[in-house]
N, C-alpha and C. Protein backbone atom coordinates (compact mmCIF):
# COMPACT_ATOMS: atom_id res chain seq x y z
N MET A 1 -47.66 -59.19 -27.69
CA MET A 1 -48.43 -59.01 -28.92
C MET A 1 -49.80 -59.64 -28.77
N THR A 2 -50.77 -59.09 -29.48
CA THR A 2 -52.13 -59.61 -29.43
C THR A 2 -52.18 -61.00 -30.06
N ALA A 3 -52.92 -61.90 -29.44
CA ALA A 3 -53.06 -63.25 -29.97
C ALA A 3 -53.78 -63.20 -31.32
N PRO A 4 -53.38 -64.05 -32.25
CA PRO A 4 -54.06 -64.08 -33.55
C PRO A 4 -55.54 -64.41 -33.39
N ARG A 5 -56.35 -63.80 -34.21
CA ARG A 5 -57.78 -64.14 -34.27
C ARG A 5 -57.95 -65.00 -35.52
N ARG A 6 -58.00 -66.30 -35.28
CA ARG A 6 -57.92 -67.26 -36.37
C ARG A 6 -59.29 -67.77 -36.83
N ALA A 7 -59.31 -68.21 -38.10
CA ALA A 7 -60.38 -69.05 -38.62
C ALA A 7 -59.71 -70.18 -39.39
N LEU A 8 -60.22 -71.39 -39.23
CA LEU A 8 -59.74 -72.55 -39.98
C LEU A 8 -60.56 -72.65 -41.26
N ILE A 9 -59.88 -72.60 -42.41
CA ILE A 9 -60.56 -72.71 -43.70
C ILE A 9 -60.23 -74.08 -44.30
N VAL A 10 -61.22 -74.94 -44.40
CA VAL A 10 -61.03 -76.27 -44.99
C VAL A 10 -61.46 -76.17 -46.45
N ILE A 11 -60.48 -76.24 -47.34
CA ILE A 11 -60.73 -76.00 -48.76
C ILE A 11 -60.97 -77.31 -49.50
N ASP A 12 -62.14 -77.44 -50.08
CA ASP A 12 -62.42 -78.50 -51.06
C ASP A 12 -62.02 -79.90 -50.60
N ALA A 13 -62.33 -80.25 -49.39
CA ALA A 13 -62.06 -81.62 -48.91
C ALA A 13 -63.18 -82.53 -49.43
N GLN A 14 -63.20 -82.67 -50.74
CA GLN A 14 -64.30 -83.32 -51.44
C GLN A 14 -63.90 -84.68 -51.99
N ASN A 15 -64.90 -85.49 -52.31
CA ASN A 15 -64.65 -86.83 -52.80
C ASN A 15 -63.90 -86.86 -54.12
N GLU A 16 -63.91 -85.75 -54.86
CA GLU A 16 -63.17 -85.68 -56.13
C GLU A 16 -61.70 -86.04 -55.93
N TYR A 17 -61.16 -85.71 -54.76
CA TYR A 17 -59.75 -85.96 -54.47
C TYR A 17 -59.49 -87.36 -53.91
N PHE A 18 -60.54 -88.13 -53.79
CA PHE A 18 -60.41 -89.49 -53.27
C PHE A 18 -60.94 -90.52 -54.28
N GLU A 19 -62.08 -90.22 -54.88
CA GLU A 19 -62.72 -91.19 -55.77
C GLU A 19 -62.85 -90.68 -57.20
N GLY A 20 -62.48 -89.43 -57.44
CA GLY A 20 -62.69 -88.82 -58.74
C GLY A 20 -61.44 -88.81 -59.60
N LEU A 21 -61.32 -87.78 -60.45
CA LEU A 21 -60.24 -87.69 -61.42
C LEU A 21 -58.98 -87.01 -60.88
N LEU A 22 -59.03 -86.55 -59.63
CA LEU A 22 -57.90 -85.79 -59.08
C LEU A 22 -57.41 -86.39 -57.75
N PRO A 23 -57.08 -87.67 -57.72
CA PRO A 23 -56.69 -88.28 -56.44
C PRO A 23 -55.40 -87.69 -55.88
N ILE A 24 -55.45 -87.26 -54.63
CA ILE A 24 -54.28 -86.71 -53.95
C ILE A 24 -53.21 -87.80 -53.82
N GLN A 25 -51.96 -87.43 -54.10
CA GLN A 25 -50.87 -88.40 -54.07
C GLN A 25 -49.89 -88.19 -52.92
N PHE A 26 -49.69 -86.93 -52.49
CA PHE A 26 -48.76 -86.67 -51.39
C PHE A 26 -49.14 -85.39 -50.67
N PRO A 27 -49.14 -85.42 -49.32
CA PRO A 27 -49.05 -86.60 -48.46
C PRO A 27 -50.20 -87.57 -48.74
N ALA A 28 -50.08 -88.79 -48.26
CA ALA A 28 -51.13 -89.79 -48.49
C ALA A 28 -52.48 -89.21 -48.10
N ARG A 29 -53.46 -89.35 -48.98
CA ARG A 29 -54.74 -88.69 -48.74
C ARG A 29 -55.44 -89.17 -47.47
N GLU A 30 -55.27 -90.42 -47.11
CA GLU A 30 -55.90 -90.89 -45.88
C GLU A 30 -55.24 -90.25 -44.65
N ASP A 31 -53.95 -89.96 -44.76
CA ASP A 31 -53.28 -89.25 -43.66
C ASP A 31 -53.74 -87.81 -43.59
N SER A 32 -53.83 -87.16 -44.74
CA SER A 32 -54.20 -85.74 -44.73
C SER A 32 -55.64 -85.54 -44.26
N ILE A 33 -56.55 -86.43 -44.63
CA ILE A 33 -57.93 -86.25 -44.20
C ILE A 33 -58.05 -86.48 -42.69
N THR A 34 -57.22 -87.38 -42.15
CA THR A 34 -57.19 -87.57 -40.70
C THR A 34 -56.71 -86.31 -40.00
N ASN A 35 -55.71 -85.65 -40.58
CA ASN A 35 -55.21 -84.42 -39.99
C ASN A 35 -56.19 -83.27 -40.15
N ILE A 36 -56.94 -83.26 -41.24
CA ILE A 36 -58.00 -82.26 -41.38
C ILE A 36 -59.01 -82.42 -40.26
N GLN A 37 -59.40 -83.65 -39.99
CA GLN A 37 -60.33 -83.90 -38.89
C GLN A 37 -59.74 -83.43 -37.57
N ALA A 38 -58.47 -83.71 -37.33
CA ALA A 38 -57.82 -83.28 -36.09
C ALA A 38 -57.81 -81.77 -35.98
N ALA A 39 -57.58 -81.08 -37.10
CA ALA A 39 -57.58 -79.62 -37.09
C ALA A 39 -58.97 -79.07 -36.77
N ILE A 40 -60.00 -79.67 -37.36
CA ILE A 40 -61.36 -79.22 -37.06
C ILE A 40 -61.69 -79.44 -35.60
N ASP A 41 -61.32 -80.59 -35.07
CA ASP A 41 -61.57 -80.87 -33.66
C ASP A 41 -60.86 -79.86 -32.77
N ALA A 42 -59.59 -79.55 -33.10
CA ALA A 42 -58.84 -78.57 -32.31
C ALA A 42 -59.49 -77.20 -32.38
N ALA A 43 -59.99 -76.84 -33.55
CA ALA A 43 -60.66 -75.55 -33.70
C ALA A 43 -61.93 -75.50 -32.85
N GLN A 44 -62.70 -76.55 -32.90
CA GLN A 44 -63.94 -76.58 -32.12
C GLN A 44 -63.66 -76.49 -30.62
N GLN A 45 -62.60 -77.13 -30.18
CA GLN A 45 -62.27 -77.13 -28.75
C GLN A 45 -61.82 -75.76 -28.26
N THR A 46 -61.41 -74.90 -29.18
CA THR A 46 -60.94 -73.56 -28.79
C THR A 46 -61.87 -72.47 -29.31
N ASP A 47 -63.07 -72.85 -29.75
CA ASP A 47 -64.05 -71.90 -30.28
C ASP A 47 -63.49 -71.10 -31.45
N THR A 48 -62.64 -71.73 -32.24
CA THR A 48 -62.12 -71.13 -33.46
C THR A 48 -63.09 -71.44 -34.60
N PRO A 49 -63.59 -70.43 -35.31
CA PRO A 49 -64.56 -70.71 -36.37
C PRO A 49 -63.98 -71.56 -37.49
N VAL A 50 -64.80 -72.45 -38.00
CA VAL A 50 -64.42 -73.34 -39.10
C VAL A 50 -65.26 -73.00 -40.32
N VAL A 51 -64.58 -72.77 -41.43
CA VAL A 51 -65.25 -72.49 -42.71
C VAL A 51 -65.01 -73.68 -43.63
N LEU A 52 -66.07 -74.24 -44.18
CA LEU A 52 -65.97 -75.34 -45.14
C LEU A 52 -66.24 -74.81 -46.54
N VAL A 53 -65.30 -75.05 -47.43
CA VAL A 53 -65.38 -74.57 -48.81
C VAL A 53 -65.55 -75.76 -49.75
N GLN A 54 -66.42 -75.61 -50.74
CA GLN A 54 -66.59 -76.64 -51.76
C GLN A 54 -66.48 -76.01 -53.14
N HIS A 55 -65.65 -76.62 -53.99
CA HIS A 55 -65.60 -76.20 -55.39
C HIS A 55 -66.82 -76.76 -56.09
N GLU A 56 -67.48 -75.93 -56.87
CA GLU A 56 -68.72 -76.34 -57.52
C GLU A 56 -68.77 -75.84 -58.96
N LEU A 57 -68.91 -76.79 -59.89
CA LEU A 57 -69.00 -76.47 -61.31
C LEU A 57 -70.34 -76.98 -61.85
N PRO A 58 -70.72 -76.59 -63.06
CA PRO A 58 -72.00 -77.05 -63.63
C PRO A 58 -72.11 -78.57 -63.65
N ALA A 59 -73.35 -79.04 -63.67
CA ALA A 59 -73.62 -80.48 -63.57
C ALA A 59 -72.95 -81.30 -64.67
N GLU A 60 -72.67 -80.67 -65.83
CA GLU A 60 -72.05 -81.41 -66.93
C GLU A 60 -70.53 -81.39 -66.88
N ALA A 61 -69.94 -80.73 -65.90
CA ALA A 61 -68.48 -80.63 -65.81
C ALA A 61 -67.87 -81.99 -65.46
N PRO A 62 -66.64 -82.24 -65.93
CA PRO A 62 -66.00 -83.54 -65.65
C PRO A 62 -65.56 -83.70 -64.20
N VAL A 63 -65.37 -82.60 -63.49
CA VAL A 63 -64.97 -82.65 -62.08
C VAL A 63 -65.82 -81.66 -61.29
N PHE A 64 -66.02 -81.95 -60.03
CA PHE A 64 -66.78 -81.08 -59.12
C PHE A 64 -68.16 -80.72 -59.65
N ALA A 65 -68.76 -81.65 -60.36
CA ALA A 65 -70.08 -81.39 -60.94
C ALA A 65 -71.11 -81.22 -59.83
N SER A 66 -71.81 -80.13 -59.87
CA SER A 66 -72.77 -79.79 -58.82
C SER A 66 -73.75 -80.94 -58.56
N GLY A 67 -73.86 -81.34 -57.30
CA GLY A 67 -74.78 -82.39 -56.91
C GLY A 67 -74.26 -83.80 -57.07
N SER A 68 -73.08 -83.96 -57.67
CA SER A 68 -72.55 -85.31 -57.90
C SER A 68 -71.93 -85.87 -56.62
N SER A 69 -71.65 -87.16 -56.65
CA SER A 69 -71.06 -87.79 -55.46
C SER A 69 -69.64 -87.28 -55.21
N THR A 70 -68.90 -86.96 -56.27
CA THR A 70 -67.54 -86.48 -56.08
C THR A 70 -67.50 -84.99 -55.70
N TRP A 71 -68.58 -84.27 -55.95
CA TRP A 71 -68.68 -82.88 -55.49
C TRP A 71 -68.88 -82.82 -53.97
N GLN A 72 -69.49 -83.83 -53.41
CA GLN A 72 -69.79 -83.83 -51.98
C GLN A 72 -68.51 -83.86 -51.15
N ASN A 73 -68.58 -83.29 -49.97
CA ASN A 73 -67.46 -83.36 -49.05
C ASN A 73 -67.15 -84.81 -48.68
N HIS A 74 -65.87 -85.09 -48.46
CA HIS A 74 -65.48 -86.40 -47.94
C HIS A 74 -66.27 -86.65 -46.66
N PRO A 75 -66.71 -87.89 -46.42
CA PRO A 75 -67.54 -88.16 -45.24
C PRO A 75 -66.95 -87.66 -43.93
N THR A 76 -65.62 -87.70 -43.81
CA THR A 76 -64.98 -87.22 -42.58
C THR A 76 -65.30 -85.76 -42.34
N VAL A 77 -65.29 -84.95 -43.40
CA VAL A 77 -65.58 -83.52 -43.29
C VAL A 77 -67.07 -83.25 -43.32
N ALA A 78 -67.81 -84.04 -44.10
CA ALA A 78 -69.26 -83.86 -44.17
C ALA A 78 -69.91 -83.96 -42.79
N ALA A 79 -69.31 -84.73 -41.91
CA ALA A 79 -69.86 -84.89 -40.56
C ALA A 79 -69.87 -83.58 -39.78
N TYR A 80 -69.08 -82.59 -40.24
CA TYR A 80 -68.99 -81.30 -39.54
C TYR A 80 -69.79 -80.19 -40.23
N GLU A 81 -70.50 -80.53 -41.28
CA GLU A 81 -71.17 -79.48 -42.05
C GLU A 81 -72.15 -78.66 -41.21
N ASP A 82 -72.94 -79.30 -40.40
CA ASP A 82 -73.94 -78.58 -39.61
C ASP A 82 -73.31 -77.69 -38.54
N ALA A 83 -72.11 -78.05 -38.10
CA ALA A 83 -71.45 -77.28 -37.04
C ALA A 83 -70.55 -76.17 -37.57
N ALA A 84 -70.34 -76.11 -38.89
CA ALA A 84 -69.45 -75.11 -39.47
C ALA A 84 -69.98 -73.71 -39.23
N ALA A 85 -69.05 -72.78 -38.98
CA ALA A 85 -69.46 -71.38 -38.81
C ALA A 85 -69.92 -70.78 -40.12
N LYS A 86 -69.37 -71.28 -41.21
CA LYS A 86 -69.75 -70.79 -42.54
C LYS A 86 -69.43 -71.84 -43.58
N ARG A 87 -70.24 -71.89 -44.63
CA ARG A 87 -69.97 -72.75 -45.77
C ARG A 87 -69.96 -71.89 -47.03
N ILE A 88 -69.06 -72.22 -47.94
CA ILE A 88 -68.87 -71.42 -49.15
C ILE A 88 -68.80 -72.34 -50.36
N SER A 89 -69.41 -71.90 -51.44
CA SER A 89 -69.24 -72.54 -52.74
C SER A 89 -68.37 -71.61 -53.59
N LYS A 90 -67.39 -72.17 -54.27
CA LYS A 90 -66.52 -71.35 -55.11
C LYS A 90 -66.36 -71.97 -56.49
N GLN A 91 -65.96 -71.12 -57.44
CA GLN A 91 -65.76 -71.58 -58.81
C GLN A 91 -64.33 -71.32 -59.31
N PHE A 92 -63.54 -70.62 -58.51
CA PHE A 92 -62.17 -70.31 -58.89
C PHE A 92 -61.22 -70.92 -57.87
N SER A 93 -59.92 -70.85 -58.16
CA SER A 93 -58.94 -71.44 -57.25
C SER A 93 -58.92 -70.74 -55.90
N SER A 94 -58.93 -69.42 -55.91
CA SER A 94 -58.88 -68.66 -54.66
C SER A 94 -60.20 -68.71 -53.91
N ILE A 95 -60.11 -68.88 -52.60
CA ILE A 95 -61.31 -68.88 -51.76
C ILE A 95 -61.95 -67.50 -51.69
N PHE A 96 -61.23 -66.47 -52.13
CA PHE A 96 -61.76 -65.12 -52.08
C PHE A 96 -62.45 -64.68 -53.36
N ALA A 97 -62.17 -65.35 -54.47
CA ALA A 97 -62.69 -64.92 -55.77
C ALA A 97 -64.19 -65.17 -55.89
N ASN A 98 -64.95 -64.10 -56.03
CA ASN A 98 -66.41 -64.17 -56.20
C ASN A 98 -67.11 -64.87 -55.04
N THR A 99 -66.55 -64.71 -53.83
CA THR A 99 -67.23 -65.21 -52.63
C THR A 99 -67.34 -64.06 -51.63
N ASP A 100 -68.11 -64.28 -50.58
CA ASP A 100 -68.23 -63.25 -49.54
C ASP A 100 -67.33 -63.54 -48.34
N LEU A 101 -66.30 -64.37 -48.55
CA LEU A 101 -65.46 -64.77 -47.43
C LEU A 101 -64.73 -63.58 -46.80
N GLU A 102 -64.16 -62.71 -47.61
CA GLU A 102 -63.43 -61.58 -47.06
C GLU A 102 -64.33 -60.75 -46.14
N ALA A 103 -65.53 -60.44 -46.61
CA ALA A 103 -66.44 -59.63 -45.80
C ALA A 103 -66.80 -60.34 -44.50
N TRP A 104 -67.03 -61.64 -44.59
CA TRP A 104 -67.38 -62.40 -43.38
C TRP A 104 -66.24 -62.42 -42.38
N LEU A 105 -65.02 -62.63 -42.87
CA LEU A 105 -63.87 -62.64 -41.97
C LEU A 105 -63.72 -61.31 -41.25
N ARG A 106 -63.93 -60.22 -41.97
CA ARG A 106 -63.81 -58.91 -41.34
C ARG A 106 -64.93 -58.69 -40.32
N GLU A 107 -66.11 -59.18 -40.61
CA GLU A 107 -67.22 -59.08 -39.65
C GLU A 107 -66.90 -59.84 -38.36
N GLN A 108 -66.17 -60.93 -38.50
CA GLN A 108 -65.81 -61.76 -37.34
C GLN A 108 -64.51 -61.30 -36.67
N ASN A 109 -63.92 -60.21 -37.19
CA ASN A 109 -62.65 -59.68 -36.66
C ASN A 109 -61.51 -60.70 -36.76
N ILE A 110 -61.55 -61.51 -37.81
CA ILE A 110 -60.49 -62.49 -38.05
C ILE A 110 -59.32 -61.80 -38.74
N ASP A 111 -58.12 -62.04 -38.25
CA ASP A 111 -56.93 -61.49 -38.91
C ASP A 111 -55.99 -62.55 -39.44
N THR A 112 -56.24 -63.83 -39.11
CA THR A 112 -55.35 -64.92 -39.50
C THR A 112 -56.19 -66.09 -40.01
N ILE A 113 -55.89 -66.55 -41.20
CA ILE A 113 -56.60 -67.71 -41.73
C ILE A 113 -55.65 -68.90 -41.79
N THR A 114 -56.15 -70.05 -41.38
CA THR A 114 -55.38 -71.29 -41.43
C THR A 114 -55.97 -72.17 -42.52
N LEU A 115 -55.13 -72.58 -43.47
CA LEU A 115 -55.61 -73.33 -44.62
C LEU A 115 -55.30 -74.82 -44.49
N ALA A 116 -56.35 -75.61 -44.70
CA ALA A 116 -56.23 -77.06 -44.82
C ALA A 116 -57.05 -77.46 -46.03
N GLY A 117 -56.83 -78.67 -46.53
CA GLY A 117 -57.62 -79.12 -47.67
C GLY A 117 -56.81 -79.26 -48.93
N TYR A 118 -57.48 -79.12 -50.08
CA TYR A 118 -56.85 -79.49 -51.34
C TYR A 118 -57.06 -78.42 -52.43
N MET A 119 -56.19 -78.33 -53.41
CA MET A 119 -54.89 -78.99 -53.50
C MET A 119 -53.78 -78.01 -53.15
N THR A 120 -52.65 -78.57 -52.69
CA THR A 120 -51.48 -77.74 -52.46
C THR A 120 -51.17 -76.88 -53.67
N ASN A 121 -51.18 -77.50 -54.86
CA ASN A 121 -50.70 -76.88 -56.08
C ASN A 121 -51.76 -76.07 -56.82
N ASN A 122 -52.89 -75.83 -56.20
CA ASN A 122 -53.92 -75.04 -56.88
C ASN A 122 -54.61 -74.11 -55.90
N CYS A 123 -55.59 -74.60 -55.19
CA CYS A 123 -56.39 -73.72 -54.36
C CYS A 123 -55.67 -73.23 -53.11
N VAL A 124 -54.78 -74.05 -52.55
CA VAL A 124 -54.06 -73.61 -51.35
C VAL A 124 -53.11 -72.47 -51.69
N ILE A 125 -52.28 -72.64 -52.71
CA ILE A 125 -51.33 -71.59 -53.04
C ILE A 125 -52.05 -70.35 -53.57
N ALA A 126 -53.12 -70.53 -54.33
CA ALA A 126 -53.87 -69.38 -54.85
C ALA A 126 -54.51 -68.59 -53.72
N SER A 127 -55.04 -69.28 -52.74
CA SER A 127 -55.71 -68.61 -51.62
C SER A 127 -54.71 -67.90 -50.73
N ALA A 128 -53.55 -68.53 -50.50
CA ALA A 128 -52.53 -67.91 -49.67
C ALA A 128 -52.02 -66.63 -50.32
N ALA A 129 -51.78 -66.68 -51.61
CA ALA A 129 -51.30 -65.49 -52.31
C ALA A 129 -52.37 -64.40 -52.35
N ALA A 130 -53.62 -64.79 -52.52
CA ALA A 130 -54.71 -63.82 -52.59
C ALA A 130 -54.94 -63.12 -51.26
N ALA A 131 -54.58 -63.76 -50.16
CA ALA A 131 -54.78 -63.17 -48.84
C ALA A 131 -53.83 -62.02 -48.57
N GLU A 132 -52.66 -62.02 -49.23
CA GLU A 132 -51.64 -61.01 -48.93
C GLU A 132 -52.14 -59.58 -49.13
N PRO A 133 -52.67 -59.21 -50.30
CA PRO A 133 -53.12 -57.82 -50.47
C PRO A 133 -54.34 -57.47 -49.63
N LEU A 134 -55.01 -58.48 -49.11
CA LEU A 134 -56.18 -58.24 -48.25
C LEU A 134 -55.78 -58.00 -46.81
N GLY A 135 -54.54 -58.29 -46.48
CA GLY A 135 -54.04 -58.02 -45.13
C GLY A 135 -54.23 -59.13 -44.13
N PHE A 136 -54.62 -60.32 -44.58
CA PHE A 136 -54.77 -61.45 -43.67
C PHE A 136 -53.45 -62.21 -43.54
N ALA A 137 -53.08 -62.55 -42.31
CA ALA A 137 -51.98 -63.48 -42.11
C ALA A 137 -52.46 -64.88 -42.47
N VAL A 138 -51.54 -65.70 -42.95
CA VAL A 138 -51.90 -67.03 -43.43
C VAL A 138 -51.04 -68.09 -42.74
N GLU A 139 -51.70 -69.17 -42.35
CA GLU A 139 -51.03 -70.37 -41.87
C GLU A 139 -51.45 -71.53 -42.77
N VAL A 140 -50.52 -72.42 -43.07
CA VAL A 140 -50.82 -73.58 -43.90
C VAL A 140 -50.41 -74.83 -43.14
N LEU A 141 -51.33 -75.77 -43.03
CA LEU A 141 -51.07 -77.04 -42.34
C LEU A 141 -50.55 -78.04 -43.36
N ALA A 142 -49.22 -78.21 -43.39
CA ALA A 142 -48.58 -78.98 -44.45
C ALA A 142 -49.01 -80.44 -44.47
N ASP A 143 -49.42 -80.98 -43.32
CA ASP A 143 -49.83 -82.39 -43.28
C ASP A 143 -51.33 -82.56 -43.40
N ALA A 144 -52.05 -81.47 -43.62
CA ALA A 144 -53.51 -81.53 -43.77
C ALA A 144 -53.93 -80.97 -45.13
N ILE A 145 -53.00 -81.02 -46.09
CA ILE A 145 -53.28 -80.64 -47.47
C ILE A 145 -52.65 -81.72 -48.35
N GLY A 146 -52.67 -81.54 -49.66
CA GLY A 146 -52.06 -82.56 -50.51
C GLY A 146 -51.96 -82.12 -51.96
N ALA A 147 -51.02 -82.75 -52.67
CA ALA A 147 -50.74 -82.42 -54.07
C ALA A 147 -50.94 -83.64 -54.95
N ILE A 148 -50.91 -83.39 -56.26
CA ILE A 148 -51.02 -84.46 -57.25
C ILE A 148 -49.78 -84.47 -58.14
N ASP A 149 -49.52 -85.60 -58.79
CA ASP A 149 -48.47 -85.66 -59.80
C ASP A 149 -48.87 -84.78 -60.98
N LEU A 150 -47.89 -84.09 -61.55
CA LEU A 150 -48.17 -83.20 -62.67
C LEU A 150 -47.29 -83.53 -63.86
N ALA A 151 -47.87 -83.47 -65.05
CA ALA A 151 -47.12 -83.64 -66.28
C ALA A 151 -47.84 -82.90 -67.39
N ASN A 152 -47.11 -82.05 -68.09
CA ASN A 152 -47.69 -81.33 -69.22
C ASN A 152 -46.56 -80.89 -70.15
N GLU A 153 -46.87 -80.04 -71.12
CA GLU A 153 -45.87 -79.62 -72.10
C GLU A 153 -44.68 -78.90 -71.48
N ALA A 154 -44.87 -78.35 -70.30
CA ALA A 154 -43.79 -77.60 -69.65
C ALA A 154 -42.86 -78.50 -68.83
N GLY A 155 -43.29 -79.73 -68.55
CA GLY A 155 -42.44 -80.61 -67.77
C GLY A 155 -43.24 -81.54 -66.88
N THR A 156 -42.53 -82.22 -65.97
CA THR A 156 -43.17 -83.15 -65.06
C THR A 156 -42.67 -82.90 -63.64
N ALA A 157 -43.52 -83.24 -62.68
CA ALA A 157 -43.14 -83.12 -61.27
C ALA A 157 -43.99 -84.07 -60.45
N PRO A 158 -43.36 -84.99 -59.71
CA PRO A 158 -44.13 -85.87 -58.84
C PRO A 158 -44.74 -85.10 -57.69
N ALA A 159 -45.79 -85.63 -57.12
CA ALA A 159 -46.55 -84.93 -56.09
C ALA A 159 -45.70 -84.52 -54.90
N ARG A 160 -44.79 -85.39 -54.48
CA ARG A 160 -43.96 -85.05 -53.32
C ARG A 160 -43.10 -83.82 -53.62
N GLN A 161 -42.51 -83.78 -54.80
CA GLN A 161 -41.70 -82.62 -55.18
C GLN A 161 -42.56 -81.37 -55.25
N VAL A 162 -43.74 -81.50 -55.84
CA VAL A 162 -44.66 -80.36 -55.93
C VAL A 162 -44.98 -79.84 -54.54
N HIS A 163 -45.37 -80.74 -53.66
CA HIS A 163 -45.80 -80.35 -52.32
C HIS A 163 -44.66 -79.72 -51.52
N GLU A 164 -43.52 -80.38 -51.48
CA GLU A 164 -42.41 -79.87 -50.67
C GLU A 164 -41.86 -78.55 -51.22
N THR A 165 -41.83 -78.41 -52.54
CA THR A 165 -41.39 -77.16 -53.13
C THR A 165 -42.34 -76.02 -52.77
N LEU A 166 -43.62 -76.27 -52.86
CA LEU A 166 -44.58 -75.21 -52.57
C LEU A 166 -44.65 -74.88 -51.09
N MET A 167 -44.35 -75.84 -50.22
CA MET A 167 -44.29 -75.52 -48.80
C MET A 167 -43.14 -74.56 -48.52
N ALA A 168 -41.97 -74.82 -49.13
CA ALA A 168 -40.83 -73.92 -48.96
C ALA A 168 -41.14 -72.55 -49.55
N LEU A 169 -41.78 -72.54 -50.70
CA LEU A 169 -42.14 -71.28 -51.34
C LEU A 169 -43.12 -70.48 -50.47
N LEU A 170 -44.17 -71.12 -50.00
CA LEU A 170 -45.16 -70.41 -49.17
C LEU A 170 -44.53 -69.87 -47.90
N HIS A 171 -43.69 -70.68 -47.25
CA HIS A 171 -43.08 -70.26 -45.98
C HIS A 171 -42.08 -69.12 -46.18
N SER A 172 -41.61 -68.95 -47.41
CA SER A 172 -40.64 -67.89 -47.69
C SER A 172 -41.28 -66.52 -47.80
N ASN A 173 -42.61 -66.46 -47.91
CA ASN A 173 -43.22 -65.15 -48.13
C ASN A 173 -44.66 -65.06 -47.67
N TRP A 174 -45.49 -66.03 -48.05
CA TRP A 174 -46.92 -65.86 -47.92
C TRP A 174 -47.56 -66.49 -46.70
N ALA A 175 -46.89 -67.43 -46.05
CA ALA A 175 -47.58 -68.17 -45.00
C ALA A 175 -46.62 -68.74 -43.97
N SER A 176 -47.14 -68.97 -42.78
CA SER A 176 -46.45 -69.77 -41.77
C SER A 176 -46.84 -71.23 -42.03
N VAL A 177 -45.89 -72.01 -42.46
CA VAL A 177 -46.16 -73.43 -42.76
C VAL A 177 -45.82 -74.25 -41.53
N THR A 178 -46.75 -75.09 -41.11
CA THR A 178 -46.56 -75.87 -39.89
C THR A 178 -47.31 -77.19 -40.02
N ASP A 179 -47.30 -77.97 -38.95
CA ASP A 179 -48.07 -79.22 -38.94
C ASP A 179 -49.27 -79.06 -38.01
N THR A 180 -50.18 -79.98 -38.09
CA THR A 180 -51.44 -79.86 -37.35
C THR A 180 -51.22 -79.87 -35.85
N THR A 181 -50.32 -80.71 -35.36
CA THR A 181 -50.08 -80.79 -33.91
C THR A 181 -49.53 -79.47 -33.37
N THR A 182 -48.55 -78.91 -34.06
CA THR A 182 -47.97 -77.64 -33.63
C THR A 182 -49.01 -76.53 -33.65
N TRP A 183 -49.83 -76.53 -34.69
CA TRP A 183 -50.89 -75.52 -34.80
C TRP A 183 -51.90 -75.65 -33.67
N ALA A 184 -52.27 -76.86 -33.33
CA ALA A 184 -53.24 -77.07 -32.25
C ALA A 184 -52.71 -76.53 -30.93
N ILE A 185 -51.43 -76.68 -30.69
CA ILE A 185 -50.83 -76.14 -29.48
C ILE A 185 -50.89 -74.61 -29.52
N ALA A 186 -50.58 -74.03 -30.67
CA ALA A 186 -50.64 -72.57 -30.81
C ALA A 186 -52.06 -72.05 -30.61
N LEU A 187 -53.04 -72.82 -31.02
CA LEU A 187 -54.44 -72.43 -30.78
C LEU A 187 -54.71 -72.30 -29.28
N ARG A 188 -54.25 -73.28 -28.53
CA ARG A 188 -54.53 -73.29 -27.10
C ARG A 188 -53.76 -72.19 -26.36
N THR A 189 -52.56 -71.88 -26.84
CA THR A 189 -51.73 -70.88 -26.14
C THR A 189 -51.92 -69.48 -26.67
N GLY A 190 -52.55 -69.36 -27.84
CA GLY A 190 -52.73 -68.04 -28.43
C GLY A 190 -51.48 -67.49 -29.07
N GLU A 191 -50.51 -68.35 -29.35
CA GLU A 191 -49.25 -67.89 -29.92
C GLU A 191 -49.33 -67.72 -31.44
N MET A 192 -48.52 -66.79 -31.95
CA MET A 192 -48.32 -66.66 -33.38
C MET A 192 -47.31 -67.70 -33.84
N LEU A 193 -47.44 -68.16 -35.07
CA LEU A 193 -46.50 -69.12 -35.63
C LEU A 193 -45.50 -68.40 -36.52
N PRO A 194 -44.22 -68.75 -36.42
CA PRO A 194 -43.21 -68.04 -37.21
C PRO A 194 -43.25 -68.41 -38.68
N LYS A 195 -42.77 -67.51 -39.50
CA LYS A 195 -42.52 -67.81 -40.90
C LYS A 195 -41.23 -67.13 -41.32
N SER A 196 -40.67 -67.59 -42.41
CA SER A 196 -39.44 -66.99 -42.91
C SER A 196 -39.79 -65.77 -43.76
N ASP A 197 -38.82 -65.26 -44.48
CA ASP A 197 -39.04 -64.18 -45.43
C ASP A 197 -38.18 -64.45 -46.65
N LEU A 198 -38.40 -63.70 -47.70
CA LEU A 198 -37.75 -64.01 -48.96
C LEU A 198 -36.24 -63.83 -48.89
N VAL A 199 -35.79 -62.77 -48.21
CA VAL A 199 -34.35 -62.51 -48.13
C VAL A 199 -33.65 -63.62 -47.34
N THR A 200 -34.22 -63.99 -46.19
CA THR A 200 -33.63 -65.05 -45.38
C THR A 200 -33.64 -66.38 -46.13
N SER A 201 -34.75 -66.67 -46.78
CA SER A 201 -34.86 -67.93 -47.53
C SER A 201 -33.86 -67.96 -48.67
N ALA A 202 -33.64 -66.82 -49.32
CA ALA A 202 -32.67 -66.76 -50.42
C ALA A 202 -31.25 -66.97 -49.90
N ALA A 203 -30.95 -66.35 -48.78
CA ALA A 203 -29.61 -66.50 -48.20
C ALA A 203 -29.34 -67.94 -47.78
N GLN A 204 -30.33 -68.57 -47.16
CA GLN A 204 -30.16 -69.97 -46.77
C GLN A 204 -30.13 -70.86 -48.00
N GLY A 205 -30.91 -70.51 -49.01
CA GLY A 205 -30.92 -71.30 -50.23
C GLY A 205 -29.61 -71.26 -50.98
N ALA A 206 -28.89 -70.16 -50.83
CA ALA A 206 -27.59 -70.06 -51.52
C ALA A 206 -26.62 -71.13 -51.05
N GLY A 207 -26.84 -71.62 -49.84
CA GLY A 207 -25.95 -72.62 -49.28
C GLY A 207 -26.17 -74.02 -49.82
N ILE A 208 -27.27 -74.25 -50.58
CA ILE A 208 -27.53 -75.59 -51.09
C ILE A 208 -27.13 -75.75 -52.54
N ARG A 209 -26.57 -74.72 -53.12
CA ARG A 209 -26.18 -74.82 -54.55
C ARG A 209 -24.99 -75.75 -54.73
């Protein structure tokens, strides 16, 4: 089979998730940002294009306010801004909504996108689902993303539960979920990464009831 033509998409690795109102809780944000850096380094070593995405809202917004310190990329990722193949500003959860990313990926003959960054429970899952009708294969680096604790009128869920549940969900249909080290090896070998499917996941899930 033809080797995947990958691009690494680093979603919203911004200070908002470290110093702002949306601190990542699981996996530990210092661990995930280290893995994001490792993924970028692995991509650069294999000439895999890196796309840096930043969420940007009006200057008066409580989060991701344009030009604010928390809107800026985390320093670890900011160090790669000049070397990025592409940079994108977005206003919605999906990296494809009202951006030119799809067109750029097709121009670059990319067929597989690898997602890192934040958050598991918002932009990562939205982007993975949005890629399906566009025909892009998706990989998610489970140790290079992160979730937050959630509580609202519908219920509560700690960040670890949110993250682990969504990893199982994504791997059941929308994405190959893996870790950064395994992905880096696949980059060097040109291998595709496996994922499950809904029927198999349902059958295996029946055994845990």
